[in-house]
């Protein structure tokens, strides 16, 4: 059958309830229980409720109410949770604005979402567009705001299921990010679906918030607080240090951890170790397809009682997760639809396909988003009428799938050029547009290629506009001004012309293979510009191995060569394991140049003697 619902999964279908209604129930039933642990504060449910009400009153005093949108640009911590709940409390939707994003991209998001208010920390250095009011959750902008009474503290704005809950900006194929407007009903359906399928326990658990707020998987994590779970906000230093992360999980007896398969690769050793108190860690894995080797490794860990894992699948346009399954058995798949979600596997004419046939996955149900903010044509193209439900809507995912004989779904890939990298959804066309905007670039193509050393890497191919040929570092600096770091290619290859297919389009399959491209994209070094001394040589060898580079110069920048936080963890582990050198991820960010990092390590070793 090609029309799948959740009926074989469970007969229990909890009715979706607005998350803030559930939050208030948790406050009333267990006011003194810990609600959130953060690097900044630890708050009980009663304290969190009061802080949320105070900030909601401040926002309401600024005219923020039902249907409005509020930007949120805060460090990871309890204050971030306060801000998100407060925005919802007014009836508004939040728009995550990662302060690490380039200013131009943030400005586009602010304008596109029509924001006039942004919640940001007092230490924010972002130059926000003119006319935007910046408020701090910790220090109200106007001291004259009256104290919130106990009666008003309980007040929550009335909302409808179709009201916006948040706007997440995703990569756009036309060169600019697009905002997906999800609904309050969609969030309620997400929580109810994961409960109904048995992936959330009936009793409160301790949940780690690991994902970036700009990644839609964060919704599935932080909203757990609304059902009474205790939330542990993982700080940036813990997220990028496996040992510190494991210590934090043990300190707070975390039960549930969300992560991507890429993150598992660098955390596997610390997560596979048994917990001191005997609890069984539950992993919620999503954002990318689970490789078969990882799937089987997690299945073995389940059989041994070390941990258990769930594979989650879902596009941002369907409120985070649409299907799920326990990771068990010999091969990866994305399971069955969550309760309340209907999945269709259709051909190009929207005819239903049977088991064993390949088609495009379409999703329907209350979790389907309102659409793309301010883009009615694109919304109409992707959110279409449901031919099987009169008056219904469904979302065309662009994902190729195949129905299994057991009713599950196999994920096969994309029907377009959209890719996933480290959990983020990226339109390669947006990177190509940004690269081609460089004055010395006539045309460009970008592909995701897998390397044997550094894993998946973005590679940019470009044709010069004239006689000038900018170096790879210049191209990376150009892109860093308009794109977030995860969208910047690791290597750049200059070509006389891009290969074309018989129909005149770029033939991406004819571009150089990954390893060849990364070698060709290496910077030319000056004669004699080689690593000097034992430490520089050791670190250069590790960088060469994990980044897949043929040679490393002392002036090379780790991140300009394609390094990122997950690869940095591999560098740290390799240095400690092979050479007994202990370096934190923070120091890699502080000293990204090889010579600088080597000097820091030498100083640290001298101090230890």
Protein backbone atom coordinates (compact mmCIF):
# COMPACT_ATOMS: atom_id res chain seq x y z
CA UNK A 1 0.00 0.00 0.00
CA UNK A 2 1.41 3.39 -0.95
CA UNK A 3 -0.73 5.50 1.36
CA UNK A 4 0.74 5.02 4.81
CA UNK A 5 -0.61 6.13 8.13
CA UNK A 6 0.37 5.18 11.64
CA UNK A 7 -2.27 2.53 12.36
CA UNK A 8 0.14 -0.44 12.50
CA UNK A 9 2.39 1.45 14.91
CA UNK A 10 0.02 2.04 17.78
CA UNK A 11 -3.65 2.28 18.60
CA UNK A 12 -2.95 5.15 21.02
CA UNK A 13 -3.24 8.60 19.45
CA UNK A 14 -2.86 11.36 22.03
CA UNK A 15 -4.78 14.47 20.98
CA UNK A 16 -2.36 17.29 20.15
CA UNK A 17 -2.39 19.97 22.85
CA UNK A 18 -0.75 23.39 22.46
CA UNK A 19 2.75 23.22 24.00
CA UNK A 20 2.20 26.22 26.29
CA UNK A 21 -0.93 24.66 27.71
CA UNK A 22 1.13 21.62 28.57
CA UNK A 23 3.88 23.79 30.01
CA UNK A 24 1.39 25.43 32.36
CA UNK A 25 0.20 21.97 33.44
CA UNK A 26 3.80 21.00 34.26
CA UNK A 27 4.26 24.23 36.27
CA UNK A 28 1.12 23.57 38.29
CA UNK A 29 1.86 19.89 38.95
CA UNK A 30 5.60 20.11 39.76
CA UNK A 31 6.55 23.76 40.37
CA UNK A 32 9.70 22.94 42.37
CA UNK A 33 11.15 20.36 40.01
CA UNK A 34 14.11 21.46 37.88
CA UNK A 35 12.97 22.62 34.46
CA UNK A 36 16.24 23.68 32.85
CA UNK A 37 19.97 23.43 33.51
CA UNK A 38 22.01 25.89 31.47
CA UNK A 39 25.55 27.24 31.46
CA UNK A 40 24.05 30.46 32.84
CA UNK A 41 21.21 29.40 35.19
CA UNK A 42 19.31 26.49 36.67
CA UNK A 43 15.58 27.16 36.96
CA UNK A 44 12.66 25.27 38.46
CA UNK A 45 9.38 25.14 36.56
CA UNK A 46 7.97 27.87 38.80
CA UNK A 47 11.01 30.10 38.29
CA UNK A 48 10.98 29.52 34.55
CA UNK A 49 7.28 30.39 34.48
CA UNK A 50 7.86 33.68 36.30
CA UNK A 51 10.83 34.66 34.13
CA UNK A 52 8.83 33.81 31.01
CA UNK A 53 5.85 35.86 32.17
CA UNK A 54 8.05 38.88 32.92
CA UNK A 55 9.61 38.85 29.47
CA UNK A 56 6.24 38.21 27.80
CA UNK A 57 4.87 41.30 29.59
CA UNK A 58 7.81 43.34 28.28
CA UNK A 59 7.14 42.13 24.73
CA UNK A 60 3.41 42.74 25.03
CA UNK A 61 4.18 46.28 26.15
CA UNK A 62 5.95 46.73 22.82
CA UNK A 63 2.85 45.65 20.95
CA UNK A 64 4.00 42.06 20.35
CA UNK A 65 1.00 39.75 20.16
CA UNK A 66 -0.72 37.01 18.22
CA UNK A 67 0.66 36.62 14.71
CA UNK A 68 3.74 38.80 15.27
CA UNK A 69 7.31 37.60 14.73
CA UNK A 70 10.22 38.16 17.12
CA UNK A 71 13.88 37.55 16.32
CA UNK A 72 15.91 35.56 18.87
CA UNK A 73 19.70 35.86 18.85
CA UNK A 74 21.01 34.54 22.17
CA UNK A 75 23.75 32.29 23.47
CA UNK A 76 22.84 28.76 24.47
CA UNK A 77 21.49 28.76 28.01
CA UNK A 78 18.44 29.05 30.24
CA UNK A 79 17.80 32.61 29.04
CA UNK A 80 17.31 31.23 25.53
CA UNK A 81 14.57 28.92 26.81
CA UNK A 82 12.98 31.87 28.64
CA UNK A 83 12.99 33.89 25.43
CA UNK A 84 11.37 31.19 23.28
CA UNK A 85 8.61 30.49 25.79
CA UNK A 86 7.98 34.20 26.29
CA UNK A 87 7.54 34.78 22.56
CA UNK A 88 5.06 31.93 22.40
CA UNK A 89 3.32 33.25 25.49
CA UNK A 90 2.46 36.47 23.67
CA UNK A 91 0.99 34.48 20.78
CA UNK A 92 3.89 35.42 18.50
CA UNK A 93 6.34 33.28 16.53
CA UNK A 94 10.10 33.26 17.05
CA UNK A 95 12.71 33.60 14.31
CA UNK A 96 16.15 32.19 15.21
CA UNK A 97 19.04 34.48 14.22
CA UNK A 98 22.39 32.81 14.74
CA UNK A 99 24.87 35.56 15.74
CA UNK A 100 27.61 33.55 14.01
CA UNK A 101 25.93 34.10 10.62
CA UNK A 102 27.30 36.81 8.30
CA UNK A 103 25.75 40.25 8.84
CA UNK A 104 24.37 40.34 5.30
CA UNK A 105 22.51 37.07 5.80
CA UNK A 106 21.11 38.16 9.17
CA UNK A 107 19.95 41.44 7.65
CA UNK A 108 18.16 39.55 4.87
CA UNK A 109 16.42 37.32 7.40
CA UNK A 110 15.35 40.31 9.51
CA UNK A 111 13.93 42.10 6.46
CA UNK A 112 12.34 38.99 4.98
CA UNK A 113 10.58 38.16 8.26
CA UNK A 114 9.53 41.76 8.78
CA UNK A 115 11.08 41.87 12.24
CA UNK A 116 10.93 44.99 14.34
CA UNK A 117 12.02 43.36 17.62
CA UNK A 118 15.01 41.11 18.32
CA UNK A 119 15.87 39.48 21.64
CA UNK A 120 19.66 39.57 21.92
CA UNK A 121 22.24 39.36 24.68
CA UNK A 122 23.82 42.45 26.16
CA UNK A 123 27.12 41.25 24.69
CA UNK A 124 25.78 41.03 21.13
CA UNK A 125 28.12 42.56 18.54
CA UNK A 126 25.80 42.11 15.55
CA UNK A 127 25.06 45.31 13.60
CA UNK A 128 21.29 44.95 13.26
CA UNK A 129 19.40 46.81 10.51
CA UNK A 130 18.09 50.28 11.32
CA UNK A 131 14.66 50.39 12.90
CA UNK A 132 14.99 47.09 14.77
CA UNK A 133 14.59 47.33 18.54
CA UNK A 134 16.96 45.12 20.54
CA UNK A 135 15.72 43.79 23.89
CA UNK A 136 17.53 41.62 26.42
CA UNK A 137 15.74 38.83 28.30
CA UNK A 138 18.02 39.37 31.31
CA UNK A 139 17.99 43.19 31.46
CA UNK A 140 14.68 44.76 30.35
CA UNK A 141 15.21 47.75 28.10
CA UNK A 142 12.70 49.85 30.02
CA UNK A 143 13.04 49.63 33.83
CA UNK A 144 9.58 51.17 34.25
CA UNK A 145 7.85 47.93 33.22
CA UNK A 146 5.72 46.93 36.23
CA UNK A 147 6.24 43.68 38.10
CA UNK A 148 4.09 40.82 36.85
CA UNK A 149 1.37 39.72 39.22
CA UNK A 150 0.66 36.09 39.97
CA UNK A 151 -2.57 36.39 38.00
CA UNK A 152 -0.88 37.74 34.89
CA UNK A 153 1.91 35.19 35.27
CA UNK A 154 -0.61 32.46 34.50
CA UNK A 155 -1.97 34.27 31.44
CA UNK A 156 -1.15 32.85 28.03
CA UNK A 157 -2.40 34.37 24.78
CA UNK A 158 -5.05 32.35 22.99
CA UNK A 159 -3.86 30.89 19.69
CA UNK A 160 -5.22 28.69 16.94
CA UNK A 161 -3.55 25.59 15.53
CA UNK A 162 -2.77 27.43 12.28
CA UNK A 163 -1.03 30.32 14.06
CA UNK A 164 2.73 30.58 13.38
CA UNK A 165 5.06 29.06 15.99
CA UNK A 166 8.43 29.80 14.42
CA UNK A 167 10.12 30.67 11.13
CA UNK A 168 13.22 28.65 10.27
CA UNK A 169 15.29 29.91 7.34
CA UNK A 170 16.67 27.23 5.05
CA UNK A 171 18.96 27.45 2.05
CA UNK A 172 17.32 28.67 -1.16
CA UNK A 173 18.07 27.47 -4.69
CA UNK A 174 17.66 31.01 -6.05
CA UNK A 175 20.56 32.35 -3.98
CA UNK A 176 18.80 33.63 -0.86
CA UNK A 177 17.52 31.75 2.20
CA UNK A 178 13.78 31.19 2.51
CA UNK A 179 11.73 31.15 5.70
CA UNK A 180 9.51 28.16 6.51
CA UNK A 181 6.58 29.14 8.73
CA UNK A 182 5.61 26.25 11.01
CA UNK A 183 2.49 26.31 13.17
CA UNK A 184 1.57 25.88 16.81
CA UNK A 185 -0.63 22.96 15.78
CA UNK A 186 2.30 21.42 13.96
CA UNK A 187 4.45 21.55 17.12
CA UNK A 188 1.61 20.04 19.15
CA UNK A 189 1.23 17.28 16.56
CA UNK A 190 4.97 16.57 16.61
CA UNK A 191 5.02 16.02 20.38
CA UNK A 192 1.81 13.98 20.33
CA UNK A 193 3.11 11.86 17.45
CA UNK A 194 6.41 10.99 19.16
CA UNK A 195 4.49 10.18 22.35
CA UNK A 196 1.93 8.07 20.53
CA UNK A 197 4.60 6.07 18.72
CA UNK A 198 6.34 5.31 22.03
CA UNK A 199 9.54 7.26 21.40
CA UNK A 200 8.79 9.60 24.31
CA UNK A 201 8.16 7.95 27.66
CA UNK A 202 5.04 8.62 29.69
CA UNK A 203 7.04 9.89 32.66
CA UNK A 204 9.41 12.91 32.68
CA UNK A 205 12.96 12.36 31.46
CA UNK A 206 16.14 14.42 31.36
CA UNK A 207 16.71 15.69 27.83
CA UNK A 208 19.82 17.31 26.37
CA UNK A 209 19.41 20.22 23.97
CA UNK A 210 22.23 19.77 21.50
CA UNK A 211 21.16 21.26 18.15
CA UNK A 212 21.62 24.85 17.05
CA UNK A 213 18.46 26.94 17.32
CA UNK A 214 18.81 27.63 13.57
CA UNK A 215 18.44 23.90 12.89
CA UNK A 216 14.81 22.73 13.01
CA UNK A 217 15.79 19.65 15.04
CA UNK A 218 16.18 22.06 17.96
CA UNK A 219 12.38 22.33 18.19
CA UNK A 220 12.01 18.63 18.92
CA UNK A 221 14.58 19.01 21.69
CA UNK A 222 13.78 22.21 23.56
CA UNK A 223 9.99 21.81 23.40
CA UNK A 224 10.32 18.70 25.57
CA UNK A 225 10.24 21.10 28.52
CA UNK A 226 6.58 21.78 27.72
CA UNK A 227 5.64 18.18 28.49
CA UNK A 228 7.41 18.29 31.85
CA UNK A 229 10.82 16.94 30.91
CA UNK A 230 13.95 18.50 32.40
CA UNK A 231 16.05 20.25 29.77
CA UNK A 232 19.86 20.33 29.90
CA UNK A 233 21.16 23.02 27.55
CA UNK A 234 24.55 21.93 26.25
CA UNK A 235 26.94 24.89 26.03
CA UNK A 236 29.21 25.46 23.07
CA UNK A 237 32.28 24.26 24.99
CA UNK A 238 30.59 20.95 25.83
CA UNK A 239 29.17 20.48 22.33
CA UNK A 240 32.67 20.59 20.87
CA UNK A 241 34.50 18.55 23.50
CA UNK A 242 33.53 14.86 23.73
CA UNK A 243 34.95 14.36 27.24
CA UNK A 244 33.20 17.44 28.63
CA UNK A 245 29.98 16.47 26.90
CA UNK A 246 30.03 13.01 28.47
CA UNK A 247 30.79 14.53 31.87
CA UNK A 248 27.79 16.86 31.51
CA UNK A 249 25.50 14.00 30.48
CA UNK A 250 26.60 12.02 33.55
CA UNK A 251 26.42 15.01 35.91
CA UNK A 252 22.75 15.58 35.11
CA UNK A 253 21.87 11.92 34.39
CA UNK A 254 20.69 12.77 30.88
CA UNK A 255 18.37 10.16 29.37
CA UNK A 256 17.87 11.47 25.82
CA UNK A 257 20.40 13.00 23.42
CA UNK A 258 19.72 14.25 19.89
CA UNK A 259 22.54 14.24 17.33
CA UNK A 260 23.37 13.77 13.67
CA UNK A 261 25.21 10.73 12.25
CA UNK A 262 28.18 13.04 11.59
CA UNK A 263 28.28 14.01 15.27
CA UNK A 264 28.05 10.35 16.30
CA UNK A 265 31.28 9.63 14.44
CA UNK A 266 33.26 11.88 16.78
CA UNK A 267 31.29 11.05 19.95
CA UNK A 268 30.96 7.28 19.53
CA UNK A 269 33.76 6.34 21.95
CA UNK A 270 32.42 8.42 24.85
CA UNK A 271 28.79 7.51 24.18
CA UNK A 272 29.43 3.76 23.91
CA UNK A 273 31.01 3.71 27.37
CA UNK A 274 28.56 2.38 30.03
CA UNK A 275 26.95 4.95 32.32
CA UNK A 276 28.01 4.92 35.98
CA UNK A 277 24.41 4.70 37.21
CA UNK A 278 23.37 2.02 34.74
CA UNK A 279 20.87 4.17 32.82
CA UNK A 280 20.44 3.44 29.13
CA UNK A 281 21.05 6.49 26.99
CA UNK A 282 18.50 7.01 24.23
CA UNK A 283 19.78 8.64 21.04
CA UNK A 284 17.49 10.54 18.66
CA UNK A 285 19.38 10.53 15.37
CA UNK A 286 18.35 12.69 12.43
CA UNK A 287 19.32 15.40 9.99
CA UNK A 288 21.19 13.03 7.66
CA UNK A 289 20.81 9.46 6.37
CA UNK A 290 22.32 6.95 8.80
CA UNK A 291 25.21 5.07 7.12
CA UNK A 292 24.86 1.30 7.20
CA UNK A 293 28.00 0.91 9.34
CA UNK A 294 26.64 3.31 11.95
CA UNK A 295 23.23 1.61 11.87
CA UNK A 296 24.74 -1.80 12.58
CA UNK A 297 27.01 -0.39 15.29
CA UNK A 298 24.02 1.15 17.07
CA UNK A 299 22.05 -2.07 16.68
CA UNK A 300 24.89 -3.97 18.37
CA UNK A 301 24.96 -1.42 21.19
CA UNK A 302 21.20 -1.91 21.65
CA UNK A 303 21.61 -5.67 21.83
CA UNK A 304 24.40 -5.25 24.41
CA UNK A 305 22.25 -2.93 26.51
CA UNK A 306 24.61 0.05 26.19
CA UNK A 307 22.19 2.43 24.53
CA UNK A 308 19.18 2.58 22.22
CA UNK A 309 18.67 4.76 19.16
CA UNK A 310 15.86 6.11 17.00
CA UNK A 311 16.16 7.18 13.38
CA UNK A 312 14.12 10.32 12.68
CA UNK A 313 13.21 11.65 9.26
CA UNK A 314 11.36 14.79 8.30
CA UNK A 315 11.67 18.03 6.34
CA UNK A 316 11.48 21.47 7.94
CA UNK A 317 8.22 21.98 6.04
CA UNK A 318 6.55 19.23 8.08
CA UNK A 319 7.58 20.36 11.58
CA UNK A 320 10.82 18.49 12.11
CA UNK A 321 9.94 14.77 12.16
CA UNK A 322 7.47 12.88 9.97
CA UNK A 323 8.63 9.26 10.28
CA UNK A 324 10.66 7.36 12.86
CA UNK A 325 11.89 3.90 13.75
CA UNK A 326 14.03 2.17 16.35
CA UNK A 327 17.46 1.49 14.93
CA UNK A 328 17.48 -2.27 14.81
CA UNK A 329 18.06 -4.85 12.12
CA UNK A 330 20.65 -5.12 9.35
CA UNK A 331 19.93 -2.08 7.16
CA UNK A 332 18.89 1.58 7.49
CA UNK A 333 15.37 2.78 6.75
CA UNK A 334 13.23 5.68 7.93
CA UNK A 335 10.40 3.67 9.43
CA UNK A 336 6.71 4.50 9.35
CA UNK A 337 4.81 7.79 9.67
CA UNK A 338 4.30 9.18 13.15
CA UNK A 339 0.74 9.20 14.47
CA UNK A 340 -1.16 11.97 12.73
CA UNK A 341 1.11 11.93 9.65
CA UNK A 342 0.07 10.41 6.34
CA UNK A 343 2.71 9.47 3.79
CA UNK A 344 2.12 9.00 0.08
CA UNK A 345 4.58 7.48 -2.38
CA UNK A 346 3.58 8.86 -5.77
CA UNK A 347 4.84 8.97 -9.33
CA UNK A 348 5.16 12.13 -11.45
CA UNK A 349 1.41 12.12 -12.17
CA UNK A 350 0.58 11.79 -8.44
CA UNK A 351 -0.56 8.19 -8.88
CA UNK A 352 0.00 5.92 -5.89
CA UNK A 353 2.80 3.35 -6.15
CA UNK A 354 3.01 -0.08 -4.60
CA UNK A 355 5.56 -1.89 -2.47
CA UNK A 356 8.97 -2.14 -4.11
CA UNK A 357 8.34 0.81 -6.43
CA UNK A 358 10.29 4.05 -6.26
CA UNK A 359 8.55 7.42 -6.11
CA UNK A 360 8.52 10.82 -4.44
CA UNK A 361 7.43 11.02 -0.83
CA UNK A 362 4.52 13.37 -0.08
CA UNK A 363 3.43 14.16 3.49
CA UNK A 364 0.07 15.31 4.84
CA UNK A 365 -1.44 16.03 8.23
CA UNK A 366 -1.55 18.78 10.86
CA UNK A 367 2.26 19.03 10.99
CA UNK A 368 2.47 20.45 7.45
CA UNK A 369 3.72 24.04 7.64
CA UNK A 370 1.86 27.12 6.41
CA UNK A 371 4.41 27.56 3.64
CA UNK A 372 7.29 29.83 2.70
CA UNK A 373 7.19 33.31 4.16
CA UNK A 374 6.33 35.87 1.51
CA UNK A 375 6.74 33.38 -1.36
CA UNK A 376 3.26 32.38 -2.56
CA UNK A 377 4.44 30.96 -5.89
CA UNK A 378 7.00 28.66 -4.26
CA UNK A 379 4.48 27.70 -1.58
CA UNK A 380 1.95 26.73 -4.26
CA UNK A 381 4.60 24.67 -6.04
CA UNK A 382 5.64 22.61 -3.00
CA UNK A 383 2.46 22.60 -0.89
CA UNK A 384 -0.17 21.06 -3.14
CA UNK A 385 -3.72 19.74 -2.90
CA UNK A 386 -4.05 16.29 -1.38
CA UNK A 387 -5.78 14.17 -4.07
CA UNK A 388 -6.76 11.57 -1.49
CA UNK A 389 -8.32 13.94 1.08
CA UNK A 390 -10.88 16.54 -0.06
CA UNK A 391 -9.72 19.98 1.02
CA UNK A 392 -6.42 18.62 2.34
CA UNK A 393 -2.86 19.76 1.64
CA UNK A 394 0.33 17.78 1.26
CA UNK A 395 3.99 18.68 0.96
CA UNK A 396 6.14 17.43 -1.91
CA UNK A 397 9.37 16.50 -0.15
CA UNK A 398 11.60 16.01 -3.20
CA UNK A 399 12.85 12.80 -1.56
CA UNK A 400 12.92 9.55 -3.48
CA UNK A 401 11.73 6.60 -1.41
CA UNK A 402 10.65 3.01 -1.80
CA UNK A 403 7.95 1.19 0.12
CA UNK A 404 9.12 -1.89 1.98
CA UNK A 405 7.17 -5.10 2.22
CA UNK A 406 6.81 -4.58 5.98
CA UNK A 407 5.19 -1.17 5.49
CA UNK A 408 8.30 0.85 6.25
CA UNK A 409 10.04 3.31 3.94
CA UNK A 410 13.52 3.21 2.41
CA UNK A 411 15.12 6.60 1.75
CA UNK A 412 16.94 6.60 -1.62
CA UNK A 413 18.01 10.20 -2.20
CA UNK A 414 16.87 13.49 -3.71
CA UNK A 415 15.03 14.30 -6.92
CA UNK A 416 16.88 17.65 -7.09
CA UNK A 417 20.27 19.11 -6.07
CA UNK A 418 19.41 19.72 -2.43
CA UNK A 419 21.86 18.08 -0.01
CA UNK A 420 22.33 17.59 3.72
CA UNK A 421 25.65 18.39 5.35
CA UNK A 422 26.21 18.02 9.09
CA UNK A 423 22.44 18.05 9.56
CA UNK A 424 21.83 21.28 7.62
CA UNK A 425 19.77 21.34 4.46
CA UNK A 426 21.62 23.15 1.70
CA UNK A 427 20.63 24.15 -1.83
CA UNK A 428 23.79 23.91 -3.91
CA UNK A 429 22.38 26.59 -6.18
CA UNK A 430 22.62 29.16 -3.39
CA UNK A 431 26.36 28.52 -2.99
CA UNK A 432 26.85 28.61 -6.75
CA UNK A 433 25.09 31.98 -6.95
CA UNK A 434 27.25 33.40 -4.17
CA UNK A 435 30.45 32.07 -5.74
CA UNK A 436 29.53 33.40 -9.18
CA UNK A 437 28.94 36.84 -7.61
CA UNK A 438 32.71 37.22 -7.10
CA UNK A 439 33.89 39.78 -9.68
CA UNK A 440 36.61 37.46 -11.01
CA UNK A 441 34.30 34.43 -11.42
CA UNK A 442 32.27 33.99 -14.61
CA UNK A 443 30.37 30.84 -13.67
CA UNK A 444 30.50 28.21 -10.94
CA UNK A 445 29.32 24.77 -9.91
CA UNK A 446 29.33 23.23 -6.43
CA UNK A 447 28.97 19.56 -5.52
CA UNK A 448 29.06 17.47 -2.38
CA UNK A 449 31.68 14.76 -2.67
CA UNK A 450 32.72 12.06 -0.23
CA UNK A 451 36.40 11.69 0.62
CA UNK A 452 38.08 8.75 2.29
CA UNK A 453 39.67 10.99 4.91
CA UNK A 454 37.52 14.04 5.68
CA UNK A 455 34.12 12.58 4.80
CA UNK A 456 31.59 14.70 2.91
CA UNK A 457 33.09 17.92 1.58
CA UNK A 458 31.74 20.75 -0.56
CA UNK A 459 33.90 21.40 -3.63
CA UNK A 460 33.54 24.54 -5.75
CA UNK A 461 34.45 24.59 -9.44
CA UNK A 462 34.76 27.94 -11.15
CA UNK A 463 35.63 29.56 -14.46
CA UNK A 464 37.53 32.90 -14.33
CA UNK A 465 35.85 36.01 -15.72
CA UNK A 466 39.15 37.34 -17.10
CA UNK A 467 42.87 37.08 -16.63
CA UNK A 468 42.71 37.42 -12.83
CA UNK A 469 42.63 34.15 -10.89
CA UNK A 470 41.83 34.61 -7.19
CA UNK A 471 43.28 32.06 -4.79
CA UNK A 472 41.07 29.67 -2.84
CA UNK A 473 41.47 31.68 0.36
CA UNK A 474 40.13 34.80 -1.34
CA UNK A 475 37.10 32.89 -2.61
CA UNK A 476 36.44 31.51 0.87
CA UNK A 477 36.67 34.97 2.39
CA UNK A 478 34.20 36.24 -0.21
CA UNK A 479 31.72 33.49 0.62
CA UNK A 480 32.21 33.95 4.38
CA UNK A 481 30.71 37.40 3.99
CA UNK A 482 27.38 36.05 2.74
CA UNK A 483 27.08 32.39 3.76
CA UNK A 484 27.25 30.50 7.07
CA UNK A 485 30.36 28.40 7.61
CA UNK A 486 28.74 25.05 6.83
CA UNK A 487 27.97 26.25 3.28
CA UNK A 488 31.53 27.26 2.35
CA UNK A 489 33.39 24.77 0.09
CA UNK A 490 36.55 23.13 1.39
CA UNK A 491 38.28 23.25 -1.99
CA UNK A 492 38.11 25.32 -5.16
CA UNK A 493 39.08 24.11 -8.60
CA UNK A 494 39.59 26.50 -11.52
CA UNK A 495 38.48 25.15 -14.90
CA UNK A 496 38.65 26.58 -18.39
CA UNK A 497 34.98 25.69 -18.78
CA UNK A 498 32.38 23.71 -16.90
CA UNK A 499 31.52 20.36 -18.52
CA UNK A 500 28.12 20.36 -20.23
CA UNK A 501 25.67 17.59 -20.99
CA UNK A 502 24.05 17.09 -24.40
CA UNK A 503 21.17 19.41 -23.41
CA UNK A 504 23.57 22.23 -22.57
CA UNK A 505 23.32 22.01 -18.77
CA UNK A 506 26.26 21.62 -16.41
CA UNK A 507 27.24 17.95 -16.20
CA UNK A 508 28.06 17.63 -12.51
CA UNK A 509 29.02 14.00 -12.92
CA UNK A 510 31.85 14.98 -15.26
CA UNK A 511 33.55 17.21 -12.66
CA UNK A 512 36.80 15.91 -11.09
CA UNK A 513 36.42 13.30 -8.36
CA UNK A 514 36.60 14.34 -4.71
CA UNK A 515 40.17 13.38 -3.87
CA UNK A 516 41.45 14.86 -7.14
CA UNK A 517 39.50 18.06 -6.49
CA UNK A 518 40.83 18.48 -2.98
CA UNK A 519 44.40 18.01 -4.18
CA UNK A 520 43.86 20.48 -7.03
CA UNK A 521 42.26 22.94 -4.60
CA UNK A 522 45.26 23.06 -2.29
CA UNK A 523 46.96 26.43 -1.95
CA UNK A 524 50.35 26.87 -3.58
CA UNK A 525 53.00 27.41 -0.92
CA UNK A 526 56.12 29.48 -1.19
CA UNK A 527 59.44 27.59 -1.63
CA UNK A 528 60.72 26.39 1.73
CA UNK A 529 57.38 27.12 3.40
CA UNK A 530 57.31 23.84 5.28
CA UNK A 531 56.34 23.03 8.89
CA UNK A 532 59.27 23.64 11.22
CA UNK A 533 60.03 21.67 14.37
CA UNK A 534 58.47 18.58 15.88
CA UNK A 535 55.13 20.06 16.98
CA UNK A 536 54.39 21.89 13.72
CA UNK A 537 55.27 18.73 11.80
CA UNK A 538 53.05 16.54 14.01
CA UNK A 539 50.05 18.85 13.75
CA UNK A 540 50.55 19.28 10.01
CA UNK A 541 50.51 15.50 9.62
CA UNK A 542 47.22 15.23 11.52
CA UNK A 543 45.65 18.08 9.52
CA UNK A 544 46.76 16.47 6.27
CA UNK A 545 45.18 13.18 7.30
CA UNK A 546 41.81 14.43 8.57
CA UNK A 547 41.38 17.11 5.88
CA UNK A 548 42.62 15.01 2.99
CA UNK A 549 45.23 17.60 1.98
CA UNK A 550 48.50 16.57 0.27
CA UNK A 551 50.56 19.15 2.16
CA UNK A 552 50.07 21.74 4.89
CA UNK A 553 51.82 25.10 5.18
CA UNK A 554 52.60 26.71 8.58
CA UNK A 555 50.43 29.68 7.56
CA UNK A 556 47.44 27.54 6.55
CA UNK A 557 44.17 28.19 8.39
CA UNK A 558 42.37 25.07 9.62
CA UNK A 559 38.93 26.43 8.73
CA UNK A 560 40.00 27.88 5.39
CA UNK A 561 41.14 24.38 4.45
CA UNK A 562 37.65 23.03 5.09
CA UNK A 563 37.87 22.23 8.79
CA UNK A 564 34.81 22.53 10.98
CA UNK A 565 33.82 21.69 14.55
CA UNK A 566 33.38 17.96 13.94
CA UNK A 567 36.72 17.62 12.14
CA UNK A 568 38.31 19.69 14.92
CA UNK A 569 37.17 17.00 17.36
CA UNK A 570 38.96 14.40 15.24
CA UNK A 571 42.14 16.50 15.32
CA UNK A 572 41.95 16.79 19.10
CA UNK A 573 41.40 13.07 19.55
CA UNK A 574 44.24 12.16 17.21
CA UNK A 575 46.72 14.51 18.89
CA UNK A 576 45.86 13.19 22.33
CA UNK A 577 45.87 9.53 21.31
CA UNK A 578 49.03 9.53 19.21
CA UNK A 579 51.15 12.20 20.82
CA UNK A 580 49.73 12.83 24.28
CA UNK A 581 49.02 16.46 23.35
CA UNK A 582 45.85 17.84 24.97
CA UNK A 583 44.14 20.67 23.08
CA UNK A 584 40.55 21.90 23.48
CA UNK A 585 38.30 22.78 20.57
CA UNK A 586 38.21 26.34 21.85
CA UNK A 587 41.97 26.59 21.29
CA UNK A 588 41.62 25.37 17.71
CA UNK A 589 39.18 28.22 17.12
CA UNK A 590 41.44 30.70 18.91
CA UNK A 591 44.53 29.54 17.00
CA UNK A 592 43.26 28.39 13.58
CA UNK A 593 46.63 28.92 11.85
CA UNK A 594 48.99 25.95 12.09
CA UNK A 595 51.95 28.01 13.32
CA UNK A 596 49.80 29.72 15.99
CA UNK A 597 48.36 26.43 17.24
CA UNK A 598 51.79 24.82 17.38
CA UNK A 599 53.14 27.77 19.40
CA UNK A 600 50.22 27.44 21.85
CA UNK A 601 50.84 23.70 22.27
CA UNK A 602 54.58 24.31 22.82
CA UNK A 603 53.80 26.88 25.52
CA UNK A 604 51.35 24.52 27.22
CA UNK A 605 53.91 21.72 27.23
CA UNK A 606 56.59 24.01 28.67
CA UNK A 607 54.25 25.09 31.47
CA UNK A 608 53.50 21.47 32.32
CA UNK A 609 57.17 20.60 32.86
